Amino acid sequence: MGSKLKKADKDAPAKGAKRGARGPAPADKPAKMKNKEYEEHLKKLQGELVKLQLWVQHEGLRIVVVFEGRDTAGKGGVIKAITERVSPRVFRIVALPAPTEREKSQLYIQRYLTYFPAAGEVILFDRSWYNRAGVERVMRFCSEKDVERFLQLCPVWERGVVNSGITLIKYWLEVTQEEQERRFESRINDPRKTWKLSPMDVEAASRWYDYSRARDDMLLATDTQFAPWHIVDSNDQRRARLNCISHFLSLIPYKDIKREKIKLPKRQKRKGYVDPDRTYRHVPSAY
């Protein structure tokens, strides 16, 4: 698994990428951000996301954002922060379950293409076709030949996606082994988070270095100039969300679309309407 696979695409590595490195090293840990400060920053960024949404619709842009990373890395939290104040008709989340028997017999990329954007849409993949280079490889759901073929063809296929006019953005969220273990323990002990733990997650917890080798091979083979990987230090979840959103906004040139000021019309008159005299089933006031 640790062998370095050759790239099918001859493009130079993305600017600033370090080839052959063991893995992305997180920056020095800054002071913990207070919730009030986080909310203030998030509010501003979410306002910019609304502006971006209007621009995407106005220009008919097609954007795909891939979120990958280890279990507990915070992919869902970043996606939630992005989509919290925008329209689900524009910013659509795709988080696919395990493939069916029929899907297993299809061309591997086929099930993902179904969810690609039309004009005016942003698709956020909470895990993606890169499952083949990560989870499927580590858990032996596919052969090494399948992985090698994927890593060879993926850059070629992604070049076709980009050349078709789709903006493809890829994020890898990175956490330390200690932080991952802390988050696993938090999920085990918090009844609000236990749903996030699957048998697969528990098994993955013991395979840190298998995932490290798989990640290294994946980044080496698929980090290209036209579709580079962007590494997010997600040991601090609040900063990770803010940094990721800020970076995402910086990659899409957009302008503020001027809209007419909304003015509520006058309410219509009753014109003889009488409230019905009947009893309804009201929800009890338990709080």
Protein backbone atom coordinates (compact mmCIF):
# COMPACT_ATOMS: atom_id res chain seq x y z
CA MET A 1 0.00 0.00 0.00
CA GLY A 2 2.89 2.33 0.71
CA SER A 3 4.27 2.21 -2.86
CA LYS A 4 4.05 5.44 -4.83
CA LEU A 5 1.83 5.09 -7.89
CA LYS A 6 2.66 6.89 -11.12
CA LYS A 7 0.44 9.71 -12.30
CA ALA A 8 -1.42 9.23 -15.56
CA ASP A 9 -1.35 12.96 -16.11
CA LYS A 10 1.97 14.62 -16.87
CA ASP A 11 1.06 18.01 -15.47
CA ALA A 12 3.39 19.44 -12.88
CA PRO A 13 2.29 19.27 -9.26
CA ALA A 14 0.10 22.05 -7.96
CA LYS A 15 2.05 25.15 -6.98
CA GLY A 16 3.41 24.83 -3.47
CA ALA A 17 2.69 21.09 -3.22
CA LYS A 18 5.38 18.94 -1.63
CA ARG A 19 5.80 15.63 -3.40
CA GLY A 20 6.80 12.56 -1.47
CA ALA A 21 6.09 14.15 1.91
CA ARG A 22 4.72 11.99 4.68
CA GLY A 23 1.66 14.15 4.90
CA PRO A 24 0.53 17.71 5.50
CA ALA A 25 1.87 19.19 8.71
CA PRO A 26 -0.59 21.39 10.66
CA ALA A 27 0.52 24.89 11.62
CA ASP A 28 1.33 25.97 15.17
CA LYS A 29 -1.76 25.89 17.36
CA PRO A 30 -3.17 29.39 17.98
CA ALA A 31 -5.21 30.41 21.01
CA LYS A 32 -8.68 28.93 21.20
CA MET A 33 -11.26 31.16 19.54
CA LYS A 34 -14.17 32.22 21.71
CA ASN A 35 -17.66 31.43 20.47
CA LYS A 36 -18.71 35.10 20.21
CA GLU A 37 -15.75 35.89 17.99
CA TYR A 38 -16.42 32.79 15.91
CA GLU A 39 -20.07 33.71 15.40
CA GLU A 40 -19.15 37.24 14.32
CA HIS A 41 -16.71 35.99 11.72
CA LEU A 42 -19.11 33.28 10.55
CA LYS A 43 -21.95 35.76 10.12
CA LYS A 44 -19.84 37.90 7.77
CA LEU A 45 -18.66 34.92 5.77
CA GLN A 46 -22.18 33.53 5.45
CA GLY A 47 -23.28 36.93 4.15
CA GLU A 48 -20.62 36.62 1.46
CA LEU A 49 -21.84 33.11 0.66
CA VAL A 50 -25.29 34.56 -0.02
CA LYS A 51 -23.70 37.06 -2.43
CA LEU A 52 -21.84 34.19 -4.08
CA GLN A 53 -25.09 32.25 -4.38
CA LEU A 54 -26.76 35.09 -6.26
CA TRP A 55 -23.74 35.43 -8.52
CA VAL A 56 -23.69 31.68 -9.26
CA GLN A 57 -27.34 31.85 -10.28
CA HIS A 58 -26.85 35.03 -12.30
CA GLU A 59 -23.87 33.67 -14.23
CA GLY A 60 -25.05 30.06 -14.44
CA LEU A 61 -21.87 28.77 -12.83
CA ARG A 62 -21.32 25.08 -12.09
CA ILE A 63 -19.22 24.34 -9.02
CA VAL A 64 -18.21 21.05 -7.38
CA VAL A 65 -16.56 21.05 -3.95
CA VAL A 66 -15.11 17.82 -2.60
CA PHE A 67 -14.58 17.35 1.15
CA GLU A 68 -12.33 14.48 2.18
CA GLY A 69 -10.42 13.63 5.34
CA ARG A 70 -10.11 11.18 8.16
CA ASP A 71 -13.08 10.20 10.29
CA THR A 72 -13.96 12.98 12.79
CA ALA A 73 -12.00 15.53 10.72
CA GLY A 74 -15.03 17.84 10.65
CA LYS A 75 -16.26 17.59 7.06
CA GLY A 76 -19.89 17.72 8.14
CA GLY A 77 -19.31 20.76 10.34
CA VAL A 78 -17.70 22.74 7.52
CA ILE A 79 -20.48 21.79 5.11
CA LYS A 80 -23.14 22.75 7.65
CA ALA A 81 -21.49 26.15 8.20
CA ILE A 82 -21.45 26.74 4.43
CA THR A 83 -25.06 25.74 3.81
CA GLU A 84 -26.69 27.14 6.95
CA ARG A 85 -27.84 30.43 5.36
CA VAL A 86 -28.00 29.63 1.66
CA SER A 87 -30.62 27.93 -0.48
CA PRO A 88 -30.56 24.11 -0.60
CA ARG A 89 -31.68 24.43 -4.23
CA VAL A 90 -28.37 26.09 -5.08
CA PHE A 91 -25.98 24.61 -2.51
CA ARG A 92 -26.77 20.90 -2.64
CA ILE A 93 -25.13 18.34 -0.34
CA VAL A 94 -24.29 14.88 -1.65
CA ALA A 95 -23.40 12.21 0.91
CA LEU A 96 -23.83 8.83 -0.74
CA PRO A 97 -24.38 5.58 1.19
CA ALA A 98 -22.57 2.35 0.37
CA PRO A 99 -23.13 1.34 -3.27
CA THR A 100 -25.86 -1.13 -4.13
CA GLU A 101 -25.08 -4.37 -5.98
CA ARG A 102 -26.19 -2.71 -9.21
CA GLU A 103 -23.98 0.33 -8.59
CA LYS A 104 -21.02 -1.93 -7.89
CA SER A 105 -21.32 -3.28 -11.43
CA GLN A 106 -21.34 0.21 -12.98
CA LEU A 107 -18.42 2.29 -14.14
CA TYR A 108 -16.96 3.46 -10.82
CA ILE A 109 -17.44 7.19 -11.40
CA GLN A 110 -20.96 6.70 -12.78
CA ARG A 111 -22.88 7.03 -9.51
CA TYR A 112 -21.19 10.36 -8.74
CA LEU A 113 -21.79 11.91 -12.16
CA THR A 114 -25.53 11.72 -11.53
CA TYR A 115 -25.16 14.45 -8.91
CA PHE A 116 -23.01 16.87 -10.87
CA PRO A 117 -24.30 20.45 -11.18
CA ALA A 118 -26.45 22.09 -13.76
CA ALA A 119 -26.14 25.84 -14.36
CA GLY A 120 -26.50 27.87 -11.17
CA GLU A 121 -25.66 25.05 -8.75
CA VAL A 122 -22.95 24.30 -6.19
CA ILE A 123 -22.56 20.63 -5.26
CA LEU A 124 -20.84 19.78 -1.98
CA PHE A 125 -19.60 16.19 -1.79
CA ASP A 126 -19.31 14.88 1.78
CA ARG A 127 -16.85 12.21 0.65
CA SER A 128 -16.66 11.48 -3.04
CA TRP A 129 -15.12 9.28 -5.71
CA TYR A 130 -11.96 9.45 -3.60
CA ASN A 131 -13.50 6.74 -1.41
CA ARG A 132 -11.69 4.35 -3.72
CA ALA A 133 -8.30 5.74 -2.74
CA GLY A 134 -9.19 5.90 0.96
CA VAL A 135 -11.91 3.90 2.72
CA GLU A 136 -12.28 1.23 0.03
CA ARG A 137 -8.55 0.69 -0.16
CA VAL A 138 -7.90 0.56 3.57
CA MET A 139 -10.89 -1.66 4.31
CA ARG A 140 -10.11 -3.97 1.35
CA PHE A 141 -13.38 -3.29 -0.45
CA CYS A 142 -11.46 -3.17 -3.72
CA SER A 143 -8.23 -4.61 -5.06
CA GLU A 144 -4.88 -2.84 -5.33
CA LYS A 145 -5.28 -3.00 -9.11
CA ASP A 146 -8.58 -1.12 -8.76
CA VAL A 147 -6.84 1.56 -6.70
CA GLU A 148 -3.91 1.86 -9.11
CA ARG A 149 -6.27 2.19 -12.06
CA PHE A 150 -8.27 4.85 -10.21
CA LEU A 151 -5.21 6.92 -9.32
CA GLN A 152 -4.01 6.77 -12.92
CA LEU A 153 -7.33 7.72 -14.49
CA CYS A 154 -8.63 10.21 -11.91
CA PRO A 155 -6.46 13.18 -13.01
CA VAL A 156 -7.38 12.52 -16.66
CA TRP A 157 -11.07 12.42 -15.81
CA GLU A 158 -10.87 15.52 -13.61
CA ARG A 159 -9.16 17.42 -16.43
CA GLY A 160 -12.20 16.63 -18.56
CA VAL A 161 -14.50 17.94 -15.82
CA VAL A 162 -12.56 21.21 -15.55
CA ASN A 163 -12.32 21.60 -19.34
CA SER A 164 -16.11 21.28 -19.55
CA GLY A 165 -16.44 24.52 -17.56
CA ILE A 166 -17.06 23.08 -14.10
CA THR A 167 -15.10 24.61 -11.22
CA LEU A 168 -13.65 21.70 -9.20
CA ILE A 169 -12.38 22.42 -5.68
CA LYS A 170 -10.92 19.72 -3.43
CA TYR A 171 -10.38 19.97 0.35
CA TRP A 172 -8.59 17.52 2.61
CA LEU A 173 -9.29 18.07 6.33
CA GLU A 174 -6.40 16.97 8.51
CA VAL A 175 -6.39 16.15 12.23
CA THR A 176 -3.75 14.69 14.52
CA GLN A 177 -4.04 11.20 15.91
CA GLU A 178 -4.57 12.57 19.41
CA GLU A 179 -7.37 14.89 18.32
CA GLN A 180 -9.10 12.14 16.38
CA GLU A 181 -9.06 9.90 19.45
CA ARG A 182 -10.47 12.72 21.59
CA ARG A 183 -13.32 13.22 19.12
CA PHE A 184 -14.07 9.51 18.98
CA GLU A 185 -14.32 9.45 22.77
CA SER A 186 -16.61 12.48 22.66
CA ARG A 187 -18.95 10.69 20.25
CA ILE A 188 -18.99 7.58 22.40
CA ASN A 189 -19.92 9.52 25.54
CA ASP A 190 -22.40 12.00 24.05
CA PRO A 191 -25.84 10.57 23.15
CA ARG A 192 -26.29 13.39 20.63
CA LYS A 193 -23.27 12.18 18.66
CA THR A 194 -23.43 8.39 18.87
CA TRP A 195 -25.26 8.24 15.53
CA LYS A 196 -22.02 9.43 13.94
CA LEU A 197 -20.25 6.24 15.00
CA SER A 198 -20.58 3.27 12.66
CA PRO A 199 -18.79 -0.11 12.83
CA MET A 200 -16.67 1.20 9.96
CA ASP A 201 -15.61 4.23 12.02
CA VAL A 202 -14.63 2.03 14.95
CA GLU A 203 -12.54 -0.20 12.69
CA ALA A 204 -10.93 2.83 11.05
CA ALA A 205 -9.81 4.11 14.44
CA SER A 206 -7.24 1.31 14.62
CA ARG A 207 -5.86 1.89 11.10
CA TRP A 208 -4.28 5.32 11.38
CA TYR A 209 -1.14 4.52 9.40
CA ASP A 210 -2.95 2.54 6.72
CA TYR A 211 -5.01 5.66 6.12
CA SER A 212 -1.86 7.79 6.21
CA ARG A 213 -0.24 5.73 3.45
CA ALA A 214 -3.43 5.78 1.39
CA ARG A 215 -3.72 9.56 1.82
CA ASP A 216 -0.09 10.10 0.78
CA ASP A 217 -0.54 8.06 -2.41
CA MET A 218 -3.79 9.83 -3.22
CA LEU A 219 -2.37 13.33 -2.81
CA LEU A 220 0.73 12.40 -4.80
CA ALA A 221 -1.26 11.07 -7.74
CA THR A 222 -4.15 13.55 -7.91
CA ASP A 223 -2.77 16.93 -6.78
CA THR A 224 -2.60 18.73 -10.14
CA GLN A 225 -2.41 22.31 -11.36
CA PHE A 226 -5.96 22.20 -12.74
CA ALA A 227 -7.49 20.39 -9.73
CA PRO A 228 -5.22 20.86 -6.69
CA TRP A 229 -5.83 19.65 -3.18
CA HIS A 230 -6.22 22.27 -0.45
CA ILE A 231 -5.24 21.08 3.03
CA VAL A 232 -7.30 22.34 5.98
CA ASP A 233 -5.90 22.08 9.50
CA SER A 234 -9.05 21.04 11.34
CA ASN A 235 -7.67 20.39 14.82
CA ASP A 236 -9.46 23.61 15.80
CA GLN A 237 -12.92 23.12 14.33
CA ARG A 238 -14.04 26.74 14.54
CA ARG A 239 -10.95 28.05 12.80
CA ALA A 240 -11.14 25.25 10.25
CA ARG A 241 -14.67 26.24 9.25
CA LEU A 242 -13.82 29.93 8.96
CA ASN A 243 -10.57 29.29 7.08
CA CYS A 244 -12.22 26.88 4.67
CA ILE A 245 -15.14 29.19 3.87
CA SER A 246 -12.83 32.18 3.45
CA HIS A 247 -10.60 30.20 1.11
CA PHE A 248 -13.56 28.88 -0.87
CA LEU A 249 -14.86 32.41 -1.40
CA SER A 250 -11.42 33.53 -2.58
CA LEU A 251 -11.42 30.91 -5.35
CA ILE A 252 -14.63 32.11 -7.02
CA PRO A 253 -14.51 35.65 -8.48
CA TYR A 254 -17.97 37.05 -7.76
CA LYS A 255 -19.72 40.40 -7.64
CA ASP A 256 -22.51 41.72 -5.50
CA ILE A 257 -25.76 41.54 -7.48
CA LYS A 258 -27.87 44.62 -6.89
CA ARG A 259 -31.45 43.82 -6.00
CA GLU A 260 -34.52 45.99 -5.70
CA LYS A 261 -35.40 46.91 -2.14
CA ILE A 262 -38.21 44.68 -0.91
CA LYS A 263 -41.36 46.44 0.29
CA LEU A 264 -44.21 44.47 1.80
CA PRO A 265 -47.60 45.08 0.15
CA LYS A 266 -50.64 46.11 2.15
CA ARG A 267 -52.65 43.26 3.61
CA GLN A 268 -55.96 42.52 1.95
CA LYS A 269 -59.18 43.26 3.80
CA ARG A 270 -61.19 40.52 5.47
CA LYS A 271 -64.13 40.89 3.05
CA GLY A 272 -66.51 38.85 5.17
CA TYR A 273 -64.09 36.05 6.10
CA VAL A 274 -64.96 34.42 9.46
CA ASP A 275 -62.60 32.15 11.40
CA PRO A 276 -64.05 28.57 11.43
CA ASP A 277 -65.71 27.47 14.67
CA ARG A 278 -64.00 24.11 15.20
CA THR A 279 -61.45 22.40 17.40
CA TYR A 280 -58.00 21.57 16.07
CA ARG A 281 -55.36 19.19 17.39
CA HIS A 282 -52.76 21.56 18.79
CA VAL A 283 -49.26 20.51 19.77
CA PRO A 284 -49.00 20.52 23.59
CA SER A 285 -46.93 23.33 25.14
CA ALA A 286 -44.36 21.13 26.85
CA TYR A 287 -41.82 23.95 27.16
